[in-house]
Amino acid sequence: MGSGKKSNSAARKERIEEMRRAERARERRNRALTIGASVVVVAGLVVGGVVLVRSQSDSDKDSAASDSKGSGHFVTDADGVKTWSGDLSRTHVTTSVTYPMHPPVGGNHNPVWLNCNGDVYTSPVKDENAVHSLEHGAVWVTYTDKAPKADVDALAAKVKQTPYSLMSPYQDQASPLMLSAWGHQLAVKSASDPAVDKFFSTYVQGKQTPEPGASCTGGTMK
């Protein structure tokens, strides 16, 4: 009987030891799984950070697309018309655009043009919409509060009779009266200045027009 009891005790100890070994093995597996999960989490954070950086980079590129400060400057012709020497980008953007000249004569612009079928605006318009109208071949007449009322009225009458033209007040410009077309600009002394008719005849749907014949109606300001 004594020998049987010892045998049972030894077997019980062996089973306990096996259980302990199994428990230690489970603990090792759990630690391995925990470490593996941590590696996955860290990797995910790294990838997420890369994606975030790339997303920010893409956002910066989008912002850059809204900046039309590309290389270039005005060259003044013999007749006083200033012609932009650099390339004028034509990307459609929905953000504000920083233009290197005022009023702008081209560059990135809003997808929606401004009505320019002889339209006279009594309040300032958005550059981005007006530039799109220039792309369609319009001439944009602008004036400051220093322009004589008689000249403003006379130019407004001319615009109203001229498809592919528009007019609006514009305070941030060098001269009281200015005419702009895609890539070209002219300051005039008065509405009776002969240069006014010449500018209109040259640049309303002129050779400079990137999109000749494109609509000047059905637009809006956004």
C-alpha atoms as a PDB file:
ATOM      1  CA  MET A   1       0.000   0.000   0.000  1.00  0.00           C
ATOM      2  CA  GLY A   2       2.817   2.404   0.875  1.00  0.00           C
ATOM      3  CA  SER A   3       4.405   1.874  -2.498  1.00  0.00           C
ATOM      4  CA  GLY A   4       1.066   2.682  -4.241  1.00  0.00           C
ATOM      5  CA  LYS A   5       0.680   5.922  -2.328  1.00  0.00           C
ATOM      6  CA  LYS A   6       4.186   6.993  -3.328  1.00  0.00           C
ATOM      7  CA  SER A   7       3.454   6.161  -6.929  1.00  0.00           C
ATOM      8  CA  ASN A   8       0.251   8.237  -6.904  1.00  0.00           C
ATOM      9  CA  SER A   9       2.065  11.134  -5.236  1.00  0.00           C
ATOM     10  CA  ALA A  10       4.810  11.082  -7.856  1.00  0.00           C
ATOM     11  CA  ALA A  11       2.256  11.008 -10.659  1.00  0.00           C
ATOM     12  CA  ARG A  12       0.390  13.930  -9.106  1.00  0.00           C
ATOM     13  CA  LYS A  13       3.605  15.930  -8.822  1.00  0.00           C
ATOM     14  CA  GLU A  14       4.393  15.134 -12.420  1.00  0.00           C
ATOM     15  CA  ARG A  15       0.986  16.338 -13.548  1.00  0.00           C
ATOM     16  CA  ILE A  16       1.397  19.545 -11.524  1.00  0.00           C
ATOM     17  CA  GLU A  17       4.794  20.120 -13.079  1.00  0.00           C
ATOM     18  CA  GLU A  18       3.344  19.572 -16.561  1.00  0.00           C
ATOM     19  CA  MET A  19       0.621  22.092 -15.781  1.00  0.00           C
ATOM     20  CA  ARG A  20       3.262  24.592 -14.643  1.00  0.00           C
ATOM     21  CA  ARG A  21       5.292  24.022 -17.797  1.00  0.00           C
ATOM     22  CA  ALA A  22       2.160  24.526 -19.885  1.00  0.00           C
ATOM     23  CA  GLU A  23       1.364  27.733 -17.994  1.00  0.00           C
ATOM     24  CA  ARG A  24       4.893  29.037 -18.557  1.00  0.00           C
ATOM     25  CA  ALA A  25       4.585  28.186 -22.238  1.00  0.00           C
ATOM     26  CA  ARG A  26       1.295  30.095 -22.435  1.00  0.00           C
ATOM     27  CA  GLU A  27       2.891  33.074 -20.732  1.00  0.00           C
ATOM     28  CA  ARG A  28       5.740  33.025 -23.252  1.00  0.00           C
ATOM     29  CA  ARG A  29       3.255  32.879 -26.117  1.00  0.00           C
ATOM     30  CA  ASN A  30       1.238  35.723 -24.615  1.00  0.00           C
ATOM     31  CA  ARG A  31       4.370  37.839 -24.260  1.00  0.00           C
ATOM     32  CA  ALA A  32       5.268  37.123 -27.862  1.00  0.00           C
ATOM     33  CA  LEU A  33       1.785  38.054 -28.998  1.00  0.00           C
ATOM     34  CA  THR A  34       1.905  41.243 -26.935  1.00  0.00           C
ATOM     35  CA  ILE A  35       5.247  42.220 -28.427  1.00  0.00           C
ATOM     36  CA  GLY A  36       3.969  41.415 -31.906  1.00  0.00           C
ATOM     37  CA  ALA A  37       0.866  43.525 -31.377  1.00  0.00           C
ATOM     38  CA  SER A  38       2.993  46.391 -30.119  1.00  0.00           C
ATOM     39  CA  VAL A  39       5.162  46.200 -33.223  1.00  0.00           C
ATOM     40  CA  VAL A  40       2.033  46.303 -35.392  1.00  0.00           C
ATOM     41  CA  VAL A  41       0.691  49.303 -33.496  1.00  0.00           C
ATOM     42  CA  VAL A  42       4.008  51.151 -33.787  1.00  0.00           C
ATOM     43  CA  ALA A  43       4.218  50.312 -37.477  1.00  0.00           C
ATOM     44  CA  GLY A  44       0.681  51.570 -37.918  1.00  0.00           C
ATOM     45  CA  LEU A  45       1.563  54.828 -36.206  1.00  0.00           C
ATOM     46  CA  VAL A  46       4.622  55.229 -38.409  1.00  0.00           C
ATOM     47  CA  VAL A  47       2.604  54.560 -41.561  1.00  0.00           C
ATOM     48  CA  GLY A  48      -0.114  56.897 -40.332  1.00  0.00           C
ATOM     49  CA  GLY A  49       2.488  59.585 -39.740  1.00  0.00           C
ATOM     50  CA  VAL A  50       3.869  59.135 -43.244  1.00  0.00           C
ATOM     51  CA  VAL A  51       0.360  59.363 -44.689  1.00  0.00           C
ATOM     52  CA  LEU A  52      -0.292  62.506 -42.643  1.00  0.00           C
ATOM     53  CA  VAL A  53       2.942  64.087 -43.847  1.00  0.00           C
ATOM     54  CA  ARG A  54       2.127  63.177 -47.435  1.00  0.00           C
ATOM     55  CA  SER A  55      -1.386  64.536 -46.995  1.00  0.00           C
ATOM     56  CA  GLN A  56       0.039  67.781 -45.645  1.00  0.00           C
ATOM     57  CA  SER A  57       2.449  67.864 -48.558  1.00  0.00           C
ATOM     58  CA  ASP A  58      -0.422  67.428 -50.998  1.00  0.00           C
ATOM     59  CA  SER A  59      -2.282  70.195 -49.188  1.00  0.00           C
ATOM     60  CA  ASP A  60       0.750  72.433 -49.549  1.00  0.00           C
ATOM     61  CA  LYS A  61       0.826  71.632 -53.260  1.00  0.00           C
ATOM     62  CA  ASP A  62      -2.845  72.608 -53.536  1.00  0.00           C
ATOM     63  CA  SER A  63      -2.042  75.877 -51.801  1.00  0.00           C
ATOM     64  CA  ALA A  64       0.858  76.422 -54.155  1.00  0.00           C
ATOM     65  CA  ALA A  65      -1.526  75.892 -57.069  1.00  0.00           C
ATOM     66  CA  SER A  66      -3.466  78.882 -55.760  1.00  0.00           C
ATOM     67  CA  ASP A  67      -0.402  81.092 -55.917  1.00  0.00           C
ATOM     68  CA  SER A  68       0.135  82.778 -59.292  1.00  0.00           C
ATOM     69  CA  LYS A  69       3.363  84.532 -58.348  1.00  0.00           C
ATOM     70  CA  GLY A  70       5.286  82.702 -61.045  1.00  0.00           C
ATOM     71  CA  SER A  71       8.231  84.319 -62.779  1.00  0.00           C
ATOM     72  CA  GLY A  72       7.455  87.231 -65.031  1.00  0.00           C
ATOM     73  CA  HIS A  73       7.061  90.988 -65.160  1.00  0.00           C
ATOM     74  CA  PHE A  74       5.412  93.656 -67.254  1.00  0.00           C
ATOM     75  CA  VAL A  75       7.146  94.912 -70.387  1.00  0.00           C
ATOM     76  CA  THR A  76       5.820  98.244 -71.662  1.00  0.00           C
ATOM     77  CA  ASP A  77       5.262  98.479 -75.400  1.00  0.00           C
ATOM     78  CA  ALA A  78       5.672 101.650 -77.454  1.00  0.00           C
ATOM     79  CA  ASP A  79       1.938 102.325 -77.275  1.00  0.00           C
ATOM     80  CA  GLY A  80       1.984 102.150 -73.470  1.00  0.00           C
ATOM     81  CA  VAL A  81       0.360  98.712 -73.236  1.00  0.00           C
ATOM     82  CA  LYS A  82       2.035  96.521 -70.630  1.00  0.00           C
ATOM     83  CA  THR A  83       2.520  92.893 -71.620  1.00  0.00           C
ATOM     84  CA  TRP A  84       3.253  90.191 -69.036  1.00  0.00           C
ATOM     85  CA  SER A  85       6.522  88.487 -69.938  1.00  0.00           C
ATOM     86  CA  GLY A  86       6.062  85.219 -68.080  1.00  0.00           C
ATOM     87  CA  ASP A  87       3.711  82.282 -68.494  1.00  0.00           C
ATOM     88  CA  LEU A  88       0.268  82.725 -66.970  1.00  0.00           C
ATOM     89  CA  SER A  89      -1.057  79.532 -65.412  1.00  0.00           C
ATOM     90  CA  ARG A  90      -4.645  78.553 -66.142  1.00  0.00           C
ATOM     91  CA  THR A  91      -5.474  76.065 -63.376  1.00  0.00           C
ATOM     92  CA  HIS A  92      -9.000  76.124 -61.977  1.00  0.00           C
ATOM     93  CA  VAL A  93      -8.970  76.591 -58.196  1.00  0.00           C
ATOM     94  CA  THR A  94     -11.684  77.216 -55.625  1.00  0.00           C
ATOM     95  CA  THR A  95      -9.412  79.071 -53.200  1.00  0.00           C
ATOM     96  CA  SER A  96      -8.233  82.669 -53.224  1.00  0.00           C
ATOM     97  CA  VAL A  97      -5.313  83.391 -55.534  1.00  0.00           C
ATOM     98  CA  THR A  98      -2.384  85.706 -54.898  1.00  0.00           C
ATOM     99  CA  TYR A  99      -1.697  87.585 -58.118  1.00  0.00           C
ATOM    100  CA  PRO A 100       1.516  89.486 -58.884  1.00  0.00           C
ATOM    101  CA  MET A 101      -0.327  92.371 -60.529  1.00  0.00           C
ATOM    102  CA  HIS A 102      -3.451  94.436 -59.805  1.00  0.00           C
ATOM    103  CA  PRO A 103      -5.844  94.044 -61.435  1.00  0.00           C
ATOM    104  CA  PRO A 104      -4.655  90.574 -62.475  1.00  0.00           C
ATOM    105  CA  VAL A 105      -4.258  89.845 -66.183  1.00  0.00           C
ATOM    106  CA  GLY A 106      -4.161  86.060 -65.896  1.00  0.00           C
ATOM    107  CA  GLY A 107      -3.169  83.125 -63.752  1.00  0.00           C
ATOM    108  CA  ASN A 108      -5.043  80.472 -61.811  1.00  0.00           C
ATOM    109  CA  HIS A 109      -8.713  81.319 -61.458  1.00  0.00           C
ATOM    110  CA  ASN A 110     -12.116  80.176 -60.297  1.00  0.00           C
ATOM    111  CA  PRO A 111     -13.855  77.518 -62.431  1.00  0.00           C
ATOM    112  CA  VAL A 112     -16.801  79.924 -62.846  1.00  0.00           C
ATOM    113  CA  TRP A 113     -16.346  83.036 -64.955  1.00  0.00           C
ATOM    114  CA  LEU A 114     -17.918  86.408 -64.326  1.00  0.00           C
ATOM    115  CA  ASN A 115     -20.611  87.566 -66.730  1.00  0.00           C
ATOM    116  CA  CYS A 116     -18.842  89.768 -69.248  1.00  0.00           C
ATOM    117  CA  ASN A 117     -21.437  90.442 -71.907  1.00  0.00           C
ATOM    118  CA  GLY A 118     -21.240  94.214 -71.485  1.00  0.00           C
ATOM    119  CA  ASP A 119     -21.790  93.879 -67.722  1.00  0.00           C
ATOM    120  CA  VAL A 120     -21.134  96.896 -65.495  1.00  0.00           C
ATOM    121  CA  TYR A 121     -20.650  96.091 -61.795  1.00  0.00           C
ATOM    122  CA  THR A 122     -20.983  98.919 -59.300  1.00  0.00           C
ATOM    123  CA  SER A 123     -19.305  96.922 -56.507  1.00  0.00           C
ATOM    124  CA  PRO A 124     -15.887  95.209 -56.522  1.00  0.00           C
ATOM    125  CA  VAL A 125     -15.820  91.745 -58.056  1.00  0.00           C
ATOM    126  CA  LYS A 126     -13.624  88.784 -57.227  1.00  0.00           C
ATOM    127  CA  ASP A 127     -10.344  88.630 -59.105  1.00  0.00           C
ATOM    128  CA  GLU A 128     -10.594  84.871 -59.568  1.00  0.00           C
ATOM    129  CA  ASN A 129     -13.895  85.105 -61.459  1.00  0.00           C
ATOM    130  CA  ALA A 130     -12.860  88.131 -63.519  1.00  0.00           C
ATOM    131  CA  VAL A 131      -9.619  86.432 -64.609  1.00  0.00           C
ATOM    132  CA  HIS A 132     -11.686  83.572 -65.976  1.00  0.00           C
ATOM    133  CA  SER A 133     -13.565  86.137 -68.071  1.00  0.00           C
ATOM    134  CA  LEU A 134     -10.248  87.419 -69.417  1.00  0.00           C
ATOM    135  CA  GLU A 135      -9.432  83.858 -70.405  1.00  0.00           C
ATOM    136  CA  HIS A 136     -12.606  83.942 -72.524  1.00  0.00           C
ATOM    137  CA  GLY A 137     -11.358  87.033 -74.332  1.00  0.00           C
ATOM    138  CA  ALA A 138     -13.001  89.826 -72.355  1.00  0.00           C
ATOM    139  CA  VAL A 139     -11.625  93.299 -71.651  1.00  0.00           C
ATOM    140  CA  TRP A 140     -11.983  94.385 -68.033  1.00  0.00           C
ATOM    141  CA  VAL A 141     -12.337  98.101 -67.287  1.00  0.00           C
ATOM    142  CA  THR A 142     -11.491  99.100 -63.711  1.00  0.00           C
ATOM    143  CA  TYR A 143     -11.448 102.407 -61.876  1.00  0.00           C
ATOM    144  CA  THR A 144     -10.656 103.872 -58.472  1.00  0.00           C
ATOM    145  CA  ASP A 145     -12.578 106.488 -56.511  1.00  0.00           C
ATOM    146  CA  LYS A 146     -10.156 109.062 -57.946  1.00  0.00           C
ATOM    147  CA  ALA A 147     -11.520 108.590 -61.461  1.00  0.00           C
ATOM    148  CA  PRO A 148     -13.771 111.469 -62.631  1.00  0.00           C
ATOM    149  CA  LYS A 149     -17.439 110.479 -62.642  1.00  0.00           C
ATOM    150  CA  ALA A 150     -17.822 111.646 -66.250  1.00  0.00           C
ATOM    151  CA  ASP A 151     -15.116 109.207 -67.366  1.00  0.00           C
ATOM    152  CA  VAL A 152     -16.621 106.359 -65.345  1.00  0.00           C
ATOM    153  CA  ASP A 153     -20.037 106.999 -66.885  1.00  0.00           C
ATOM    154  CA  ALA A 154     -18.619 107.216 -70.415  1.00  0.00           C
ATOM    155  CA  LEU A 155     -16.660 103.978 -70.030  1.00  0.00           C
ATOM    156  CA  ALA A 156     -19.700 102.259 -68.528  1.00  0.00           C
ATOM    157  CA  ALA A 157     -21.719 103.259 -71.595  1.00  0.00           C
ATOM    158  CA  LYS A 158     -19.028 101.825 -73.875  1.00  0.00           C
ATOM    159  CA  VAL A 159     -18.883  98.551 -71.955  1.00  0.00           C
ATOM    160  CA  LYS A 160     -22.652  98.145 -72.071  1.00  0.00           C
ATOM    161  CA  GLN A 161     -22.468  98.316 -75.865  1.00  0.00           C
ATOM    162  CA  THR A 162     -19.560  95.840 -76.116  1.00  0.00           C
ATOM    163  CA  PRO A 163     -19.969  92.072 -75.757  1.00  0.00           C
ATOM    164  CA  TYR A 164     -16.972  90.419 -74.081  1.00  0.00           C
ATOM    165  CA  SER A 165     -16.311  93.343 -71.781  1.00  0.00           C
ATOM    166  CA  LEU A 166     -17.018  94.137 -68.145  1.00  0.00           C
ATOM    167  CA  MET A 167     -16.399  96.957 -65.711  1.00  0.00           C
ATOM    168  CA  SER A 168     -16.013  97.253 -61.945  1.00  0.00           C
ATOM    169  CA  PRO A 169     -14.458  99.488 -59.275  1.00  0.00           C
ATOM    170  CA  TYR A 170     -10.954  98.439 -58.171  1.00  0.00           C
ATOM    171  CA  GLN A 171      -9.102 100.425 -55.520  1.00  0.00           C
ATOM    172  CA  ASP A 172      -5.805  98.517 -55.487  1.00  0.00           C
ATOM    173  CA  GLN A 173      -4.430  99.698 -58.816  1.00  0.00           C
ATOM    174  CA  ALA A 174      -1.788 102.193 -59.858  1.00  0.00           C
ATOM    175  CA  SER A 175      -3.948 104.498 -62.003  1.00  0.00           C
ATOM    176  CA  PRO A 176      -7.527 105.772 -61.729  1.00  0.00           C
ATOM    177  CA  LEU A 177      -8.547 104.167 -65.045  1.00  0.00           C
ATOM    178  CA  MET A 178      -7.184 100.872 -66.319  1.00  0.00           C
ATOM    179  CA  LEU A 179      -7.998  98.381 -69.057  1.00  0.00           C
ATOM    180  CA  SER A 180      -7.007  94.719 -68.756  1.00  0.00           C
ATOM    181  CA  ALA A 181      -7.034  91.723 -71.065  1.00  0.00           C
ATOM    182  CA  TRP A 182      -5.362  88.314 -70.748  1.00  0.00           C
ATOM    183  CA  GLY A 183      -1.652  89.129 -70.414  1.00  0.00           C
ATOM    184  CA  HIS A 184      -2.075  92.839 -71.213  1.00  0.00           C
ATOM    185  CA  GLN A 185      -2.878  96.025 -69.324  1.00  0.00           C
ATOM    186  CA  LEU A 186      -3.099  99.749 -69.997  1.00  0.00           C
ATOM    187  CA  ALA A 187      -3.614 102.849 -67.870  1.00  0.00           C
ATOM    188  CA  VAL A 188      -5.601 105.535 -69.712  1.00  0.00           C
ATOM    189  CA  LYS A 189      -5.937 109.229 -68.995  1.00  0.00           C
ATOM    190  CA  SER A 190      -9.654 109.529 -69.682  1.00  0.00           C
ATOM    191  CA  ALA A 191     -12.587 107.872 -71.395  1.00  0.00           C
ATOM    192  CA  SER A 192     -11.866 109.963 -74.495  1.00  0.00           C
ATOM    193  CA  ASP A 193      -8.262 108.757 -74.713  1.00  0.00           C
ATOM    194  CA  PRO A 194      -7.813 107.251 -78.247  1.00  0.00           C
ATOM    195  CA  ALA A 195      -5.999 104.349 -76.590  1.00  0.00           C
ATOM    196  CA  VAL A 196      -9.338 103.131 -75.188  1.00  0.00           C
ATOM    197  CA  ASP A 197     -10.857 102.319 -78.585  1.00  0.00           C
ATOM    198  CA  LYS A 198      -7.577 100.816 -79.775  1.00  0.00           C
ATOM    199  CA  PHE A 199      -7.333  98.563 -76.723  1.00  0.00           C
ATOM    200  CA  PHE A 200     -10.901  97.362 -77.169  1.00  0.00           C
ATOM    201  CA  SER A 201     -10.485  96.677 -80.882  1.00  0.00           C
ATOM    202  CA  THR A 202      -7.221  94.811 -80.285  1.00  0.00           C
ATOM    203  CA  TYR A 203      -8.054  92.728 -77.238  1.00  0.00           C
ATOM    204  CA  VAL A 204     -11.809  92.029 -77.200  1.00  0.00           C
ATOM    205  CA  GLN A 205     -11.635  88.410 -78.433  1.00  0.00           C
ATOM    206  CA  GLY A 206      -8.114  89.249 -79.582  1.00  0.00           C
ATOM    207  CA  LYS A 207      -5.204  86.980 -80.475  1.00  0.00           C
ATOM    208  CA  GLN A 208      -4.185  86.791 -76.816  1.00  0.00           C
ATOM    209  CA  THR A 209      -7.422  84.970 -75.891  1.00  0.00           C
ATOM    210  CA  PRO A 210      -6.706  81.459 -74.533  1.00  0.00           C
ATOM    211  CA  GLU A 211     -10.309  80.328 -75.103  1.00  0.00           C
ATOM    212  CA  PRO A 212     -11.780  82.351 -77.988  1.00  0.00           C
ATOM    213  CA  GLY A 213     -15.530  82.087 -78.343  1.00  0.00           C
ATOM    214  CA  ALA A 214     -16.067  80.747 -74.820  1.00  0.00           C
ATOM    215  CA  SER A 215     -19.208  82.033 -73.106  1.00  0.00           C
ATOM    216  CA  CYS A 216     -19.415  85.403 -71.374  1.00  0.00           C
ATOM    217  CA  THR A 217     -22.921  84.748 -70.043  1.00  0.00           C
ATOM    218  CA  GLY A 218     -24.292  82.266 -67.570  1.00  0.00           C
ATOM    219  CA  GLY A 219     -21.504  82.977 -65.125  1.00  0.00           C
ATOM    220  CA  THR A 220     -21.613  84.113 -61.528  1.00  0.00           C
ATOM    221  CA  MET A 221     -19.317  85.147 -58.720  1.00  0.00           C
ATOM    222  CA  LYS A 222     -18.169  82.543 -56.150  1.00  0.00           C
END
